[in-house]
């Protein structure tokens, strides 16, 4: 959806109320007015689409394992999970969706705040394992490939709809992304739980858990 500048005559009191609400929602005045008008005329905006996806994801990330954080921006959702390892590091899942509709949905960044060289090394091993598993089980249904980056303590993954899944609803997209995060988090914890038995045992345990839990009906994103 394209945007243009329009002149509106509004009461000062209305603008003040809009500004207060925009501040509470961590958004801009123009964006909030756009959302209010869109809801009034039953028009779905990209921001409303993203909010629907975020709401679905948040509703699926309940329980003791995850903490959904306040949104740092209109297009971003942050989720935290604790890892049972030395010093109990926190896993942060940051999902940033794109405003423009299309096949690219957004980017998931998995990160740790740690200076432990040992932990960073093990994370790199796990990230490479995860990428290998995705290439084995998901890549055949993704003709354009899987786009990701592995950095020191970070795993970055782009979500993109294949051509045959272009009509997925916001609820379905939210379900699939939430499922991806939950699966990633579980396999990561399986890996570190088996690590005291050795790296080979951890790799084997994580691979077996992935094969067991990966949904039979795979949606490639």
Protein backbone atom coordinates (compact mmCIF):
# COMPACT_ATOMS: atom_id res chain seq x y z
CA UNK A 1 0.00 0.00 0.00
CA UNK A 2 1.39 3.38 -1.00
CA UNK A 3 1.26 6.41 1.30
CA UNK A 4 0.75 10.09 0.54
CA UNK A 5 0.58 13.29 2.55
CA UNK A 6 -2.93 14.63 3.20
CA UNK A 7 -4.07 17.75 5.06
CA UNK A 8 -6.59 17.18 7.85
CA UNK A 9 -8.22 19.72 10.16
CA UNK A 10 -8.34 18.22 13.67
CA UNK A 11 -9.17 19.58 17.11
CA UNK A 12 -6.19 20.16 19.38
CA UNK A 13 -7.74 17.95 22.06
CA UNK A 14 -8.07 15.08 19.57
CA UNK A 15 -4.44 15.40 18.50
CA UNK A 16 -3.29 15.44 22.12
CA UNK A 17 -5.26 12.27 22.84
CA UNK A 18 -3.85 10.64 19.70
CA UNK A 19 -0.32 11.56 20.74
CA UNK A 20 -0.78 10.07 24.21
CA UNK A 21 -2.13 6.82 22.78
CA UNK A 22 0.58 6.70 20.12
CA UNK A 23 3.22 7.08 22.83
CA UNK A 24 1.67 4.25 24.85
CA UNK A 25 1.66 2.00 21.78
CA UNK A 26 5.19 3.00 20.75
CA UNK A 27 4.07 4.23 17.35
CA UNK A 28 3.77 7.52 15.48
CA UNK A 29 0.83 9.90 15.28
CA UNK A 30 0.38 9.30 11.55
CA UNK A 31 0.52 5.54 11.91
CA UNK A 32 -2.04 5.49 14.72
CA UNK A 33 -4.47 7.74 12.82
CA UNK A 34 -4.01 5.52 9.78
CA UNK A 35 -4.86 2.42 11.84
CA UNK A 36 -7.94 4.03 13.41
CA UNK A 37 -9.30 5.14 10.04
CA UNK A 38 -8.52 1.77 8.46
CA UNK A 39 -10.43 -0.07 11.20
CA UNK A 40 -13.36 2.30 10.78
CA UNK A 41 -13.65 1.62 7.04
CA UNK A 42 -12.71 -2.09 7.33
CA UNK A 43 -9.45 -1.74 5.43
CA UNK A 44 -6.54 -4.01 6.39
CA UNK A 45 -3.24 -2.16 6.56
CA UNK A 46 0.24 -3.75 6.63
CA UNK A 47 0.52 -2.73 10.29
CA UNK A 48 -2.76 -4.45 11.15
CA UNK A 49 -1.52 -7.55 9.32
CA UNK A 50 1.69 -7.55 11.35
CA UNK A 51 -0.22 -7.01 14.60
CA UNK A 52 -2.43 -10.02 13.82
CA UNK A 53 0.65 -12.17 13.20
CA UNK A 54 2.32 -10.95 16.41
CA UNK A 55 -0.85 -11.60 18.43
CA UNK A 56 -1.05 -15.16 17.12
CA UNK A 57 2.61 -15.79 17.91
CA UNK A 58 2.29 -14.30 21.40
CA UNK A 59 -0.71 -16.48 22.18
CA UNK A 60 1.28 -19.58 21.21
CA UNK A 61 4.37 -18.68 23.25
CA UNK A 62 2.77 -19.09 26.66
CA UNK A 63 4.03 -21.19 29.54
CA UNK A 64 7.14 -21.33 31.69
CA UNK A 65 9.59 -21.56 28.78
CA UNK A 66 8.94 -18.24 27.07
CA UNK A 67 8.57 -14.59 27.99
CA UNK A 68 7.09 -12.27 25.38
CA UNK A 69 8.72 -8.85 25.80
CA UNK A 70 7.15 -5.44 25.09
CA UNK A 71 7.49 -4.65 21.41
CA UNK A 72 10.48 -2.34 20.77
CA UNK A 73 8.85 -1.21 17.51
CA UNK A 74 5.70 -1.68 15.45
CA UNK A 75 7.43 -4.27 13.28
CA UNK A 76 9.31 -6.26 15.92
CA UNK A 77 8.49 -8.87 18.54
CA UNK A 78 10.98 -10.09 21.15
CA UNK A 79 10.73 -13.39 23.01
CA UNK A 80 13.06 -14.71 25.71
CA UNK A 81 13.81 -18.20 26.92
CA UNK A 82 16.25 -19.46 29.55
CA UNK A 83 18.89 -22.08 28.81
CA UNK A 84 20.05 -24.52 31.50
CA UNK A 85 23.76 -23.99 31.10
CA UNK A 86 26.56 -22.28 33.01
CA UNK A 87 25.42 -18.89 34.34
CA UNK A 88 21.93 -19.56 32.88
CA UNK A 89 22.22 -17.49 29.69
CA UNK A 90 19.08 -16.03 28.14
CA UNK A 91 18.05 -16.82 24.59
CA UNK A 92 16.50 -13.92 22.74
CA UNK A 93 14.32 -14.43 19.68
CA UNK A 94 13.77 -11.16 17.80
CA UNK A 95 11.29 -11.30 14.95
CA UNK A 96 11.08 -8.36 12.56
CA UNK A 97 8.34 -8.43 9.93
CA UNK A 98 8.34 -6.47 6.69
CA UNK A 99 5.73 -3.78 6.11
CA UNK A 100 5.30 -4.38 2.40
CA UNK A 101 3.16 -7.39 1.51
CA UNK A 102 4.87 -10.08 -0.51
CA UNK A 103 6.53 -13.45 -0.19
CA UNK A 104 9.20 -12.24 2.24
CA UNK A 105 7.68 -12.28 5.73
CA UNK A 106 10.53 -11.10 7.90
CA UNK A 107 13.70 -12.05 9.74
CA UNK A 108 14.24 -14.03 12.94
CA UNK A 109 17.38 -13.30 14.95
CA UNK A 110 18.43 -15.71 17.70
CA UNK A 111 21.03 -14.24 20.04
CA UNK A 112 22.72 -14.70 23.41
CA UNK A 113 24.29 -12.10 25.66
CA UNK A 114 27.43 -13.93 26.67
CA UNK A 115 31.19 -13.54 26.62
CA UNK A 116 31.84 -17.24 27.18
CA UNK A 117 34.06 -18.54 24.38
CA UNK A 118 32.98 -22.10 25.16
CA UNK A 119 29.29 -21.26 24.89
CA UNK A 120 29.81 -19.30 21.66
CA UNK A 121 31.69 -22.25 20.20
CA UNK A 122 28.93 -24.71 21.10
CA UNK A 123 26.28 -22.35 19.72
CA UNK A 124 28.10 -22.22 16.39
CA UNK A 125 28.15 -26.02 16.29
CA UNK A 126 24.43 -26.15 17.00
CA UNK A 127 23.57 -23.44 14.46
CA UNK A 128 25.44 -25.37 11.78
CA UNK A 129 23.58 -28.54 12.74
CA UNK A 130 20.24 -26.72 12.54
CA UNK A 131 21.12 -25.33 9.11
CA UNK A 132 22.10 -28.82 7.94
CA UNK A 133 18.81 -30.28 9.20
CA UNK A 134 16.83 -27.55 7.44
CA UNK A 135 18.67 -28.19 4.21
CA UNK A 136 17.92 -31.89 4.49
CA UNK A 137 14.23 -31.67 5.40
CA UNK A 138 13.03 -28.25 4.18
CA UNK A 139 15.19 -27.30 1.22
CA UNK A 140 13.48 -29.68 -1.28
CA UNK A 141 10.31 -27.59 -0.93
CA UNK A 142 12.07 -24.24 -1.15
CA UNK A 143 13.26 -23.64 -4.73
CA UNK A 144 14.75 -20.25 -3.84
CA UNK A 145 16.81 -21.68 -1.01
CA UNK A 146 17.02 -20.89 2.69
CA UNK A 147 18.56 -17.55 3.63
CA UNK A 148 20.41 -17.43 6.94
CA UNK A 149 23.56 -16.13 8.60
CA UNK A 150 25.65 -17.58 11.40
CA UNK A 151 27.62 -15.10 13.48
CA UNK A 152 29.26 -15.14 16.90
CA UNK A 153 26.41 -16.25 19.15
CA UNK A 154 23.74 -15.30 16.59
CA UNK A 155 21.62 -17.16 14.08
CA UNK A 156 19.69 -15.09 11.54
CA UNK A 157 16.97 -16.68 9.43
CA UNK A 158 14.76 -15.10 6.75
CA UNK A 159 11.17 -16.34 6.46
CA UNK A 160 9.83 -16.39 2.92
CA UNK A 161 6.70 -17.96 1.49
CA UNK A 162 7.11 -20.28 -1.48
CA UNK A 163 4.89 -19.53 -4.51
CA UNK A 164 2.32 -22.21 -3.63
CA UNK A 165 1.78 -20.77 -0.11
CA UNK A 166 1.20 -17.13 -1.06
CA UNK A 167 -2.39 -17.09 0.25
CA UNK A 168 -1.73 -18.04 3.86
CA UNK A 169 -3.77 -16.13 6.44
CA UNK A 170 -2.16 -14.08 9.20
CA UNK A 171 -3.23 -16.74 11.72
CA UNK A 172 -1.52 -19.46 9.69
CA UNK A 173 1.65 -17.41 9.30
CA UNK A 174 1.70 -16.71 13.04
CA UNK A 175 1.17 -20.40 13.79
CA UNK A 176 4.04 -21.47 11.55
CA UNK A 177 6.49 -18.89 12.90
CA UNK A 178 5.56 -19.72 16.50
CA UNK A 179 6.00 -23.41 15.72
CA UNK A 180 9.40 -22.72 14.21
CA UNK A 181 10.59 -20.83 17.29
CA UNK A 182 9.26 -23.48 19.67
CA UNK A 183 10.94 -26.27 17.69
CA UNK A 184 14.24 -24.37 17.50
CA UNK A 185 14.15 -23.66 21.24
CA UNK A 186 13.37 -27.27 22.12
CA UNK A 187 16.08 -28.78 19.91
CA UNK A 188 18.62 -26.26 21.22
CA UNK A 189 17.85 -27.32 24.78
CA UNK A 190 18.01 -31.01 23.85
CA UNK A 191 21.48 -30.38 22.44
CA UNK A 192 22.79 -28.64 25.56
CA UNK A 193 21.14 -31.17 27.89
CA UNK A 194 23.07 -33.98 26.17
CA UNK A 195 26.32 -32.00 25.92
CA UNK A 196 27.81 -33.36 29.19
CA UNK A 197 27.90 -36.75 27.43
CA UNK A 198 30.03 -35.30 24.65
CA UNK A 199 29.47 -33.28 21.49
CA UNK A 200 28.75 -36.33 19.34
CA UNK A 201 26.05 -37.46 21.77
CA UNK A 202 24.54 -33.96 21.76
CA UNK A 203 24.47 -33.84 17.96
CA UNK A 204 22.85 -37.26 17.81
CA UNK A 205 20.23 -36.38 20.43
CA UNK A 206 19.33 -33.09 18.72
CA UNK A 207 19.06 -34.74 15.30
CA UNK A 208 16.82 -37.51 16.65
CA UNK A 209 14.57 -35.00 18.42
CA UNK A 210 14.28 -32.87 15.28
CA UNK A 211 13.25 -35.83 13.15
CA UNK A 212 10.69 -36.89 15.74
CA UNK A 213 9.09 -33.50 16.28
CA UNK A 214 9.19 -32.02 12.79
CA UNK A 215 5.54 -31.87 11.64
CA UNK A 216 4.63 -34.37 8.98
CA UNK A 217 2.92 -31.62 7.01
CA UNK A 218 5.77 -29.20 6.52
CA UNK A 219 5.09 -25.62 5.51
CA UNK A 220 8.28 -24.22 4.07
CA UNK A 221 8.94 -20.65 5.22
